[in-house]
Amino acid sequence: MPRSSLRALPAVVCAAFGASCLLDLAPARPLSAPSTGVLLGAVPSGSPPSALPPATARSEPGPALASLLPDLRPLAERQWAFAADEDGAACRDALRAAGAKFQPVPDRPVPDAAGCGMPHGVVLRRGASGIAYSPPLLVDCTLALALVDVERILQEEAQRELGSPIVRMGNLGAFACRNRTGALRDRKSEHAFGVAVDLSSFEPKKGRAVTVLRDYPRGGAEPTTGRGRFLRAVWARLHRETSLTHIVGPDYNAAHRDHFHLDRGLRAWF
């Protein structure tokens, strides 16, 4: 085979396997020095060890490059690190300054034997706006702090559509050591790390409680009641105005027909 064909062979192989194959496209160097016939890089026989060419060290990628590389750790490990990287003491100070009433839970440096746990747990009894959680929420502090904005939206829309502030909020659970449901049931749920909560009802100071199961207008239907308009407005603003990662409700699937799932987990579910 002509030498020019041999040099082109790597390009053909890389084209067959896609862009992940990197080529050295510099012109091929001659195998020998034309003037002496000595192989390039060769060490004359009998040379002392010091004459040997130094080995080329393989350096680790710098911080800028490392940030562009995919995180190949298992999903549960990445989920844990996402919350654990936050400063627990600073989070609790901010939550206290916002006016929330809570009880700290001792920090965990690592998950438990089942792979679950909260890095910076709290028991949230009353939120920053005065909403009582029923039952109290066992969550990571990072989610509790994100609920400050959730409550702000709830109270503004309650005044607009219900004419009364929300005083109590029902939920179907927060921290729970379990996997997800549905097609991703082999992966840990955000609930397993205390960064998810399922909100089911909202009780105003005056008037009937609003429930997701009964009052949320499904399938994009135009709301015809104040309770329906309240839920639809809250739903839209949660997407626009909070730091939450996932907001899932009745329009997603039947498993969420009776609650809003809010979490501060990883963006990717894989």
Protein backbone atom coordinates (compact mmCIF):
# COMPACT_ATOMS: atom_id res chain seq x y z
CA MET A 1 0.00 0.00 0.00
CA PRO A 2 1.44 3.45 -0.86
CA ARG A 3 2.69 5.45 2.13
CA SER A 4 0.20 8.26 1.39
CA SER A 5 -2.63 5.73 1.74
CA LEU A 6 -1.28 4.58 5.10
CA ARG A 7 -1.29 8.15 6.37
CA ALA A 8 -4.92 8.58 5.29
CA LEU A 9 -6.05 5.36 7.01
CA PRO A 10 -6.57 6.90 10.52
CA ALA A 11 -8.85 9.56 9.06
CA VAL A 12 -11.01 6.86 7.48
CA VAL A 13 -11.20 4.95 10.77
CA CYS A 14 -12.12 8.09 12.73
CA ALA A 15 -14.80 9.05 10.23
CA ALA A 16 -16.36 5.65 10.75
CA PHE A 17 -16.49 6.07 14.54
CA GLY A 18 -17.57 9.70 14.83
CA ALA A 19 -16.25 12.94 16.27
CA SER A 20 -14.99 11.41 19.52
CA CYS A 21 -11.87 10.20 17.66
CA LEU A 22 -9.12 12.85 17.79
CA LEU A 23 -6.39 12.93 15.14
CA ASP A 24 -2.94 14.45 15.01
CA LEU A 25 -3.30 16.20 11.66
CA ALA A 26 0.28 17.48 11.55
CA PRO A 27 2.27 16.38 8.49
CA ALA A 28 3.90 13.00 8.97
CA ARG A 29 7.55 13.26 9.94
CA PRO A 30 10.16 11.12 8.18
CA LEU A 31 11.14 8.02 10.05
CA SER A 32 14.85 8.76 9.74
CA ALA A 33 17.11 11.78 9.58
CA PRO A 34 17.98 12.18 5.91
CA SER A 35 21.53 13.37 6.55
CA THR A 36 22.71 10.60 8.91
CA GLY A 37 20.30 7.73 8.57
CA VAL A 38 19.94 7.59 12.37
CA LEU A 39 16.43 7.05 13.63
CA LEU A 40 14.97 10.19 15.19
CA GLY A 41 14.90 9.92 18.98
CA ALA A 42 17.20 6.93 18.99
CA VAL A 43 19.91 6.73 21.69
CA PRO A 44 23.35 5.53 20.62
CA SER A 45 24.32 2.19 22.03
CA GLY A 46 26.26 2.34 25.27
CA SER A 47 24.81 5.70 26.29
CA PRO A 48 24.39 6.23 30.06
CA PRO A 49 20.86 6.24 31.51
CA SER A 50 21.00 10.04 31.76
CA ALA A 51 21.04 10.20 27.99
CA LEU A 52 17.66 8.53 27.74
CA PRO A 53 14.87 10.92 26.69
CA PRO A 54 12.67 11.95 29.64
CA ALA A 55 9.23 10.37 29.85
CA THR A 56 6.37 12.67 29.02
CA ALA A 57 4.11 13.12 32.07
CA ARG A 58 0.36 13.03 31.49
CA SER A 59 -1.13 16.07 33.20
CA GLU A 60 -4.58 16.22 34.77
CA PRO A 61 -7.13 18.52 33.13
CA GLY A 62 -7.23 22.01 34.60
CA PRO A 63 -10.32 23.39 36.38
CA ALA A 64 -11.64 25.10 33.25
CA LEU A 65 -11.43 21.90 31.19
CA ALA A 66 -12.69 19.70 34.03
CA SER A 67 -15.86 21.79 34.27
CA LEU A 68 -16.67 20.89 30.67
CA LEU A 69 -16.25 17.15 31.16
CA PRO A 70 -19.31 15.00 31.95
CA ASP A 71 -19.77 13.90 35.56
CA LEU A 72 -19.60 10.12 35.34
CA ARG A 73 -20.32 9.40 39.00
CA PRO A 74 -23.44 7.30 39.75
CA LEU A 75 -26.64 9.33 39.80
CA ALA A 76 -27.28 8.83 43.54
CA GLU A 77 -23.78 10.08 44.34
CA ARG A 78 -24.33 13.19 42.22
CA GLN A 79 -27.74 13.78 43.83
CA TRP A 80 -26.20 13.65 47.29
CA ALA A 81 -23.31 15.96 46.36
CA PHE A 82 -25.69 18.53 44.85
CA ALA A 83 -27.20 19.21 48.29
CA ALA A 84 -24.16 18.35 50.42
CA ASP A 85 -22.01 20.99 48.71
CA GLU A 86 -24.13 23.74 50.25
CA ASP A 87 -23.17 25.39 53.57
CA GLY A 88 -25.63 23.97 56.10
CA ALA A 89 -24.98 26.59 58.80
CA ALA A 90 -25.38 29.48 56.35
CA CYS A 91 -28.58 27.93 55.00
CA ARG A 92 -30.12 27.62 58.46
CA ASP A 93 -29.10 31.19 59.31
CA ALA A 94 -30.82 32.45 56.15
CA LEU A 95 -33.92 30.37 56.88
CA ARG A 96 -34.07 31.74 60.43
CA ALA A 97 -33.61 35.31 59.19
CA ALA A 98 -36.52 34.80 56.77
CA GLY A 99 -38.79 34.11 59.75
CA ALA A 100 -39.34 30.37 59.37
CA LYS A 101 -39.90 28.18 62.44
CA PHE A 102 -37.92 24.96 62.30
CA GLN A 103 -35.88 22.44 64.24
CA PRO A 104 -32.39 21.57 62.93
CA VAL A 105 -31.52 17.93 62.28
CA PRO A 106 -27.87 16.87 62.72
CA ASP A 107 -25.89 17.07 59.48
CA ARG A 108 -24.89 13.87 57.72
CA PRO A 109 -21.46 13.68 56.05
CA VAL A 110 -22.49 10.68 53.94
CA PRO A 111 -25.73 8.83 53.03
CA ASP A 112 -26.94 5.98 55.21
CA ALA A 113 -26.56 2.28 54.37
CA ALA A 114 -29.57 2.48 52.04
CA GLY A 115 -28.05 5.39 50.13
CA CYS A 116 -30.48 7.97 51.58
CA GLY A 117 -30.31 10.91 53.94
CA MET A 118 -30.29 14.69 54.21
CA PRO A 119 -26.95 16.52 54.32
CA HIS A 120 -28.44 19.51 56.20
CA GLY A 121 -31.86 18.46 57.50
CA VAL A 122 -34.53 20.54 59.22
CA VAL A 123 -38.07 19.95 60.47
CA LEU A 124 -40.02 22.89 59.01
CA ARG A 125 -43.15 23.63 61.03
CA ARG A 126 -44.07 27.14 59.91
CA GLY A 127 -42.83 28.98 56.86
CA ALA A 128 -41.52 32.50 56.42
CA SER A 129 -44.98 33.88 55.57
CA GLY A 130 -46.63 32.20 58.58
CA ILE A 131 -48.00 29.15 56.71
CA ALA A 132 -48.23 26.08 58.96
CA TYR A 133 -47.09 22.86 57.26
CA SER A 134 -49.40 19.93 57.94
CA PRO A 135 -47.71 17.66 58.77
CA PRO A 136 -44.36 19.40 59.45
CA LEU A 137 -41.83 18.92 56.66
CA LEU A 138 -38.69 16.84 57.19
CA VAL A 139 -36.51 18.27 54.40
CA ASP A 140 -33.01 19.40 53.58
CA CYS A 141 -32.43 23.04 54.48
CA THR A 142 -31.79 23.92 50.83
CA LEU A 143 -35.38 23.00 49.93
CA ALA A 144 -36.79 24.73 53.01
CA LEU A 145 -35.06 27.93 51.93
CA ALA A 146 -36.44 27.58 48.39
CA LEU A 147 -39.95 27.40 49.88
CA VAL A 148 -39.66 31.05 50.98
CA ASP A 149 -40.30 32.10 47.36
CA VAL A 150 -43.02 29.48 47.00
CA GLU A 151 -44.88 30.96 49.96
CA ARG A 152 -44.53 34.48 48.60
CA ILE A 153 -46.23 33.39 45.37
CA LEU A 154 -48.95 31.50 47.25
CA GLN A 155 -49.82 34.47 49.44
CA GLU A 156 -49.92 36.95 46.55
CA GLU A 157 -52.20 34.74 44.47
CA ALA A 158 -54.36 33.85 47.49
CA GLN A 159 -55.05 37.53 48.14
CA ARG A 160 -55.85 38.07 44.46
CA GLU A 161 -58.06 35.02 43.81
CA LEU A 162 -59.30 33.91 47.24
CA GLY A 163 -59.41 37.20 49.11
CA SER A 164 -57.66 35.66 52.11
CA PRO A 165 -54.11 34.56 53.03
CA ILE A 166 -53.08 30.92 53.21
CA VAL A 167 -52.64 29.79 56.82
CA ARG A 168 -52.09 26.04 56.38
CA MET A 169 -50.63 23.88 53.64
CA GLY A 170 -51.22 20.14 53.39
CA ASN A 171 -48.61 17.79 51.99
CA LEU A 172 -48.28 14.12 51.11
CA GLY A 173 -44.70 13.84 52.29
CA ALA A 174 -41.18 15.14 51.93
CA PHE A 175 -38.15 13.04 52.97
CA ALA A 176 -38.66 9.35 52.25
CA CYS A 177 -36.01 6.75 51.48
CA ARG A 178 -37.41 5.37 48.25
CA ASN A 179 -36.88 5.11 44.53
CA ARG A 180 -38.77 7.00 41.87
CA THR A 181 -41.99 5.72 40.38
CA GLY A 182 -42.75 4.85 36.78
CA ALA A 183 -40.10 4.18 34.15
CA LEU A 184 -37.26 5.45 36.39
CA ARG A 185 -38.09 3.24 39.38
CA ASP A 186 -34.53 1.90 39.54
CA ARG A 187 -33.19 5.35 40.50
CA LYS A 188 -33.32 7.15 43.83
CA SER A 189 -36.08 9.73 44.19
CA GLU A 190 -35.29 13.33 45.15
CA HIS A 191 -37.38 12.52 48.23
CA ALA A 192 -34.58 10.16 49.33
CA PHE A 193 -32.33 13.19 49.92
CA GLY A 194 -34.94 15.52 51.42
CA VAL A 195 -34.98 17.89 48.43
CA ALA A 196 -38.57 17.20 47.32
CA VAL A 197 -42.06 17.83 48.71
CA ASP A 198 -45.57 16.98 47.47
CA LEU A 199 -48.06 19.79 48.19
CA SER A 200 -51.71 18.75 48.10
CA SER A 201 -53.90 21.45 49.69
CA PHE A 202 -53.94 25.13 50.61
CA GLU A 203 -56.20 26.40 53.38
CA PRO A 204 -57.06 30.13 53.43
CA LYS A 205 -57.90 32.00 56.61
CA LYS A 206 -61.45 32.41 55.32
CA GLY A 207 -63.26 30.07 52.98
CA ARG A 208 -62.92 26.48 51.81
CA ALA A 209 -59.55 24.79 51.40
CA VAL A 210 -58.16 24.47 47.88
CA THR A 211 -57.10 20.96 46.85
CA VAL A 212 -55.10 19.98 43.80
CA LEU A 213 -57.22 16.87 43.24
CA ARG A 214 -60.55 18.70 43.18
CA ASP A 215 -59.74 22.22 42.01
CA TYR A 216 -56.87 22.10 39.53
CA PRO A 217 -58.17 22.59 35.93
CA ARG A 218 -56.64 19.72 33.99
CA GLY A 219 -55.56 19.51 30.40
CA GLY A 220 -55.23 23.24 29.87
CA ALA A 221 -58.91 23.88 30.59
CA GLU A 222 -59.75 27.48 31.41
CA PRO A 223 -60.37 27.80 35.18
CA THR A 224 -63.90 28.82 36.06
CA THR A 225 -63.52 29.29 39.82
CA GLY A 226 -61.31 31.41 42.06
CA ARG A 227 -59.71 28.22 43.43
CA GLY A 228 -58.91 27.02 39.93
CA ARG A 229 -57.43 30.38 38.94
CA PHE A 230 -55.38 30.37 42.14
CA LEU A 231 -53.84 26.97 41.38
CA ARG A 232 -53.20 27.75 37.72
CA ALA A 233 -51.53 31.08 38.56
CA VAL A 234 -49.40 29.50 41.29
CA TRP A 235 -48.35 26.73 38.91
CA ALA A 236 -47.24 29.20 36.23
CA ARG A 237 -45.34 31.45 38.63
CA LEU A 238 -43.53 28.55 40.31
CA HIS A 239 -41.92 27.82 36.95
CA ARG A 240 -40.99 31.44 36.32
CA GLU A 241 -39.94 32.79 39.70
CA THR A 242 -38.34 30.09 41.84
CA SER A 243 -35.05 28.20 42.03
CA LEU A 244 -36.84 24.85 41.98
CA THR A 245 -35.56 22.26 39.51
CA HIS A 246 -38.70 20.22 38.77
CA ILE A 247 -42.36 21.19 39.22
CA VAL A 248 -44.69 18.32 38.34
CA GLY A 249 -48.48 18.20 38.66
CA PRO A 250 -51.74 16.68 37.40
CA ASP A 251 -51.03 17.47 33.75
CA TYR A 252 -47.90 15.29 33.86
CA ASN A 253 -49.44 11.93 34.75
CA ALA A 254 -52.03 10.24 36.93
CA ALA A 255 -49.54 9.66 39.75
CA HIS A 256 -49.49 13.44 40.31
CA ARG A 257 -53.25 13.99 40.01
CA ASP A 258 -53.57 15.11 43.64
CA HIS A 259 -50.42 17.15 44.32
CA PHE A 260 -47.69 19.45 43.07
CA HIS A 261 -44.29 17.79 43.26
CA LEU A 262 -41.59 20.41 43.89
CA ASP A 263 -37.92 19.55 44.10
CA ARG A 264 -34.48 21.05 44.13
CA GLY A 265 -32.70 18.07 42.61
CA LEU A 266 -30.41 17.63 39.65
CA ARG A 267 -31.58 19.01 36.33
CA ALA A 268 -31.03 15.64 34.66
CA TRP A 269 -33.07 12.63 35.82
CA PHE A 270 -30.49 10.12 34.51
